[in-house]
C-alpha atoms as a PDB file:
ATOM      1  CA  MET A   1     -59.595   5.372  78.331  1.00  0.00           C
ATOM      2  CA  SER A   2     -61.703   2.274  77.760  1.00  0.00           C
ATOM      3  CA  ASP A   3     -61.579  -0.833  79.762  1.00  0.00           C
ATOM      4  CA  ALA A   4     -59.867  -2.534  76.922  1.00  0.00           C
ATOM      5  CA  ASP A   5     -57.228   0.225  76.727  1.00  0.00           C
ATOM      6  CA  THR A   6     -56.820  -0.001  80.516  1.00  0.00           C
ATOM      7  CA  PHE A   7     -56.242  -3.712  80.289  1.00  0.00           C
ATOM      8  CA  ILE A   8     -53.867  -3.615  77.334  1.00  0.00           C
ATOM      9  CA  ASP A   9     -51.910  -1.016  79.362  1.00  0.00           C
ATOM     10  CA  ALA A  10     -51.679  -3.295  82.309  1.00  0.00           C
ATOM     11  CA  CYS A  11     -50.673  -6.101  80.110  1.00  0.00           C
ATOM     12  CA  LYS A  12     -47.787  -4.132  78.575  1.00  0.00           C
ATOM     13  CA  ASN A  13     -46.677  -2.847  81.876  1.00  0.00           C
ATOM     14  CA  GLY A  14     -46.664  -6.213  83.689  1.00  0.00           C
ATOM     15  CA  ARG A  15     -49.359  -5.029  86.263  1.00  0.00           C
ATOM     16  CA  ILE A  16     -50.338  -8.574  87.313  1.00  0.00           C
ATOM     17  CA  ASP A  17     -52.671  -7.408  90.170  1.00  0.00           C
ATOM     18  CA  LYS A  18     -54.539  -5.067  87.896  1.00  0.00           C
ATOM     19  CA  ILE A  19     -54.988  -7.731  85.105  1.00  0.00           C
ATOM     20  CA  ASN A  20     -56.376 -10.286  87.771  1.00  0.00           C
ATOM     21  CA  GLN A  21     -58.749  -7.639  89.095  1.00  0.00           C
ATOM     22  CA  MET A  22     -60.031  -6.574  85.795  1.00  0.00           C
ATOM     23  CA  LEU A  23     -60.464 -10.151  84.508  1.00  0.00           C
ATOM     24  CA  GLU A  24     -62.451 -10.993  87.864  1.00  0.00           C
ATOM     25  CA  ASP A  25     -64.653  -7.998  86.798  1.00  0.00           C
ATOM     26  CA  ASP A  26     -64.934  -8.756  83.171  1.00  0.00           C
ATOM     27  CA  ALA A  27     -63.539 -12.039  81.789  1.00  0.00           C
ATOM     28  CA  SER A  28     -64.337 -10.983  78.310  1.00  0.00           C
ATOM     29  CA  LEU A  29     -61.178  -8.588  78.530  1.00  0.00           C
ATOM     30  CA  ILE A  30     -58.827 -11.587  77.971  1.00  0.00           C
ATOM     31  CA  ASP A  31     -58.823 -11.256  74.314  1.00  0.00           C
ATOM     32  CA  SER A  32     -59.449  -7.564  74.151  1.00  0.00           C
ATOM     33  CA  ARG A  33     -57.941  -5.312  71.517  1.00  0.00           C
ATOM     34  CA  ALA A  34     -57.353  -1.713  71.834  1.00  0.00           C
ATOM     35  CA  ASP A  35     -57.830   0.967  69.022  1.00  0.00           C
ATOM     36  CA  ASP A  36     -54.730  -0.564  67.318  1.00  0.00           C
ATOM     37  CA  LYS A  37     -56.458  -4.108  66.965  1.00  0.00           C
ATOM     38  CA  ILE A  38     -53.612  -5.736  68.502  1.00  0.00           C
ATOM     39  CA  PRO A  39     -54.707  -8.658  71.147  1.00  0.00           C
ATOM     40  CA  ALA A  40     -53.496  -8.233  74.780  1.00  0.00           C
ATOM     41  CA  ILE A  41     -51.322 -11.380  74.406  1.00  0.00           C
ATOM     42  CA  ILE A  42     -49.313  -9.852  71.633  1.00  0.00           C
ATOM     43  CA  HIS A  43     -48.781  -6.540  73.477  1.00  0.00           C
ATOM     44  CA  ALA A  44     -47.549  -8.394  76.406  1.00  0.00           C
ATOM     45  CA  THR A  45     -45.137 -10.669  74.026  1.00  0.00           C
ATOM     46  CA  CYS A  46     -43.834  -7.475  72.354  1.00  0.00           C
ATOM     47  CA  ALA A  47     -43.333  -5.921  75.798  1.00  0.00           C
ATOM     48  CA  ASP A  48     -41.347  -9.124  77.001  1.00  0.00           C
ATOM     49  CA  MET A  49     -43.824  -9.671  79.861  1.00  0.00           C
ATOM     50  CA  ILE A  50     -43.375 -13.438  80.177  1.00  0.00           C
ATOM     51  CA  ASP A  51     -45.426 -13.424  83.482  1.00  0.00           C
ATOM     52  CA  VAL A  52     -48.205 -11.614  81.739  1.00  0.00           C
ATOM     53  CA  VAL A  53     -48.061 -13.924  78.740  1.00  0.00           C
ATOM     54  CA  ASP A  54     -48.187 -16.962  81.085  1.00  0.00           C
ATOM     55  CA  LEU A  55     -51.159 -15.468  83.026  1.00  0.00           C
ATOM     56  CA  LEU A  56     -53.128 -14.692  80.009  1.00  0.00           C
ATOM     57  CA  ILE A  57     -52.794 -18.179  78.638  1.00  0.00           C
ATOM     58  CA  ALA A  58     -53.642 -19.657  81.794  1.00  0.00           C
ATOM     59  CA  ARG A  59     -56.819 -17.531  82.179  1.00  0.00           C
ATOM     60  CA  GLY A  60     -57.916 -18.732  78.512  1.00  0.00           C
ATOM     61  CA  ALA A  61     -56.382 -16.235  76.005  1.00  0.00           C
ATOM     62  CA  ASP A  62     -56.465 -17.156  72.283  1.00  0.00           C
ATOM     63  CA  ILE A  63     -52.673 -18.252  71.968  1.00  0.00           C
ATOM     64  CA  GLU A  64     -53.242 -17.889  68.237  1.00  0.00           C
ATOM     65  CA  ALA A  65     -54.844 -14.465  68.105  1.00  0.00           C
ATOM     66  CA  LYS A  66     -53.499 -12.490  65.229  1.00  0.00           C
ATOM     67  CA  ASP A  67     -53.279  -8.640  64.818  1.00  0.00           C
ATOM     68  CA  THR A  68     -55.128  -7.198  61.988  1.00  0.00           C
ATOM     69  CA  GLU A  69     -52.137  -5.511  60.097  1.00  0.00           C
ATOM     70  CA  TYR A  70     -49.460  -8.244  59.773  1.00  0.00           C
ATOM     71  CA  LEU A  71     -51.815 -11.129  60.430  1.00  0.00           C
ATOM     72  CA  ALA A  72     -49.221 -12.430  63.000  1.00  0.00           C
ATOM     73  CA  THR A  73     -49.550 -14.380  66.098  1.00  0.00           C
ATOM     74  CA  ALA A  74     -47.741 -13.810  69.455  1.00  0.00           C
ATOM     75  CA  VAL A  75     -45.108 -16.422  68.130  1.00  0.00           C
ATOM     76  CA  GLY A  76     -44.555 -14.341  64.999  1.00  0.00           C
ATOM     77  CA  PHE A  77     -44.149 -11.144  67.203  1.00  0.00           C
ATOM     78  CA  ALA A  78     -41.906 -12.944  69.672  1.00  0.00           C
ATOM     79  CA  ALA A  79     -39.667 -13.957  66.727  1.00  0.00           C
ATOM     80  CA  TRP A  80     -39.572 -10.400  65.376  1.00  0.00           C
ATOM     81  CA  PHE A  81     -38.954  -8.718  68.485  1.00  0.00           C
ATOM     82  CA  GLY A  82     -36.283 -11.411  69.674  1.00  0.00           C
ATOM     83  CA  ARG A  83     -38.380 -12.573  72.761  1.00  0.00           C
ATOM     84  CA  ALA A  84     -36.737 -15.886  73.327  1.00  0.00           C
ATOM     85  CA  GLU A  85     -38.170 -16.721  76.532  1.00  0.00           C
ATOM     86  CA  VAL A  86     -41.664 -15.777  75.579  1.00  0.00           C
ATOM     87  CA  ALA A  87     -41.363 -17.625  72.387  1.00  0.00           C
ATOM     88  CA  ALA A  88     -40.272 -20.751  74.428  1.00  0.00           C
ATOM     89  CA  LEU A  89     -43.287 -20.251  76.815  1.00  0.00           C
ATOM     90  CA  LEU A  90     -45.889 -19.770  73.837  1.00  0.00           C
ATOM     91  CA  VAL A  91     -44.350 -23.002  71.958  1.00  0.00           C
ATOM     92  CA  GLU A  92     -44.400 -24.948  75.413  1.00  0.00           C
ATOM     93  CA  ARG A  93     -48.098 -24.070  75.885  1.00  0.00           C
ATOM     94  CA  GLY A  94     -49.177 -25.249  72.302  1.00  0.00           C
ATOM     95  CA  ALA A  95     -48.693 -22.296  70.150  1.00  0.00           C
ATOM     96  CA  ASP A  96     -48.384 -23.268  66.312  1.00  0.00           C
ATOM     97  CA  VAL A  97     -44.633 -22.710  65.512  1.00  0.00           C
ATOM     98  CA  ASP A  98     -45.485 -21.766  61.932  1.00  0.00           C
ATOM     99  CA  GLY A  99     -47.803 -18.965  63.211  1.00  0.00           C
ATOM    100  CA  LEU A 100     -50.729 -20.695  61.416  1.00  0.00           C
ATOM    101  CA  GLY A 101     -49.169 -20.040  58.017  1.00  0.00           C
ATOM    102  CA  GLU A 102     -47.746 -16.487  58.518  1.00  0.00           C
ATOM    103  CA  ASP A 103     -45.647 -15.058  55.873  1.00  0.00           C
ATOM    104  CA  PRO A 104     -42.875 -14.467  56.813  1.00  0.00           C
ATOM    105  CA  SER A 105     -43.029 -17.396  59.247  1.00  0.00           C
ATOM    106  CA  PRO A 106     -41.723 -16.978  62.781  1.00  0.00           C
ATOM    107  CA  LEU A 107     -38.738 -19.218  61.944  1.00  0.00           C
ATOM    108  CA  ALA A 108     -38.001 -16.975  58.771  1.00  0.00           C
ATOM    109  CA  LEU A 109     -38.169 -13.875  61.027  1.00  0.00           C
ATOM    110  CA  ALA A 110     -35.919 -15.429  63.596  1.00  0.00           C
ATOM    111  CA  LEU A 111     -33.349 -16.339  60.985  1.00  0.00           C
ATOM    112  CA  ASP A 112     -33.454 -12.736  59.577  1.00  0.00           C
ATOM    113  CA  GLY A 113     -32.955 -11.448  63.110  1.00  0.00           C
ATOM    114  CA  ALA A 114     -29.988 -14.024  63.743  1.00  0.00           C
ATOM    115  CA  ASP A 115     -28.498 -12.676  60.551  1.00  0.00           C
ATOM    116  CA  GLY A 116     -28.949  -8.991  61.733  1.00  0.00           C
ATOM    117  CA  LYS A 117     -31.428  -8.139  59.129  1.00  0.00           C
ATOM    118  CA  LEU A 118     -34.228  -7.007  61.665  1.00  0.00           C
ATOM    119  CA  THR A 119     -31.859  -4.526  63.466  1.00  0.00           C
ATOM    120  CA  GLY A 120     -32.358  -2.006  60.695  1.00  0.00           C
ATOM    121  CA  GLU A 121     -36.139  -2.834  60.573  1.00  0.00           C
ATOM    122  CA  GLY A 122     -36.401  -1.581  64.455  1.00  0.00           C
ATOM    123  CA  SER A 123     -36.339  -5.044  66.133  1.00  0.00           C
ATOM    124  CA  PRO A 124     -34.780  -4.651  69.800  1.00  0.00           C
ATOM    125  CA  GLY A 125     -34.015  -8.308  69.667  1.00  0.00           C
ATOM    126  CA  THR A 126     -30.074  -9.235  69.788  1.00  0.00           C
ATOM    127  CA  LYS A 127     -28.687 -11.739  67.168  1.00  0.00           C
ATOM    128  CA  GLU A 128     -28.205 -14.080  70.155  1.00  0.00           C
ATOM    129  CA  ASP A 129     -31.976 -13.950  71.048  1.00  0.00           C
ATOM    130  CA  HIS A 130     -33.064 -14.523  67.549  1.00  0.00           C
ATOM    131  CA  ALA A 131     -30.515 -17.393  67.277  1.00  0.00           C
ATOM    132  CA  ALA A 132     -32.182 -18.993  70.405  1.00  0.00           C
ATOM    133  CA  ILE A 133     -35.477 -18.614  68.615  1.00  0.00           C
ATOM    134  CA  VAL A 134     -34.194 -20.314  65.544  1.00  0.00           C
ATOM    135  CA  VAL A 135     -33.026 -23.327  67.711  1.00  0.00           C
ATOM    136  CA  LEU A 136     -36.237 -23.609  69.406  1.00  0.00           C
ATOM    137  CA  LEU A 137     -38.423 -23.502  66.261  1.00  0.00           C
ATOM    138  CA  GLN A 138     -36.124 -25.829  64.230  1.00  0.00           C
ATOM    139  CA  SER A 139     -36.440 -28.265  67.110  1.00  0.00           C
ATOM    140  CA  ARG A 140     -40.081 -28.177  66.582  1.00  0.00           C
ATOM    141  CA  ASN A 141     -39.768 -28.661  62.658  1.00  0.00           C
ATOM    142  CA  ALA A 142     -41.034 -25.200  61.778  1.00  0.00           C
ATOM    143  CA  LYS A 143     -41.099 -24.040  58.284  1.00  0.00           C
ATOM    144  CA  VAL A 144     -39.224 -21.144  56.684  1.00  0.00           C
ATOM    145  CA  ILE A 145     -41.795 -19.051  54.743  1.00  0.00           C
ATOM    146  CA  GLY A 146     -40.391 -15.774  53.341  1.00  0.00           C
ATOM    147  CA  ARG A 147     -37.163 -14.038  54.213  1.00  0.00           C
ATOM    148  CA  ILE A 148     -35.948 -10.458  54.082  1.00  0.00           C
ATOM    149  CA  LYS A 149     -33.893 -10.005  50.811  1.00  0.00           C
ATOM    150  CA  ASP A 150     -30.514  -8.378  51.050  1.00  0.00           C
ATOM    151  CA  GLU A 151     -30.738  -4.885  49.406  1.00  0.00           C
ATOM    152  CA  ASP A 152     -27.648  -5.482  47.202  1.00  0.00           C
ATOM    153  CA  SER A 153     -28.832  -9.251  46.259  1.00  0.00           C
ATOM    154  CA  GLN A 154     -29.498  -9.752  42.649  1.00  0.00           C
ATOM    155  CA  PRO A 155     -31.540 -12.469  41.103  1.00  0.00           C
ATOM    156  CA  PRO A 156     -29.554 -15.204  39.261  1.00  0.00           C
ATOM    157  CA  THR A 157     -28.808 -14.784  35.593  1.00  0.00           C
END
């Protein structure tokens, strides 16, 4: 296992001591990506490891780092996964509420989650968690870009 893989694993599992030790040995690991090309801060966000996300930001992680498949930031992943506390931390620490122009935007994802549309897509977040993210993002004037369409919705005639 590479150092990047070990670091990402520590981030996903909340191993603060291991993360600190690895960063002391190699500070460049802060923005490392494993084979899946997803930054450590996004892995920690998806795993709901708020203490790890906080540590990574404090140690200089790129809060706006995007994955290579969806081109989404940690705020976008927090919105999709329904990680309300992590989303609040990211926004408090200066993350762009619109995910630097993501489509769908974090607010659109949170709205879809609050409507229950992400449950069928595999999101572990509850409607309540998504609704909390909606309130957070709306309070910061986030934009709605893109929404999941209802399967039975028809275009207007």
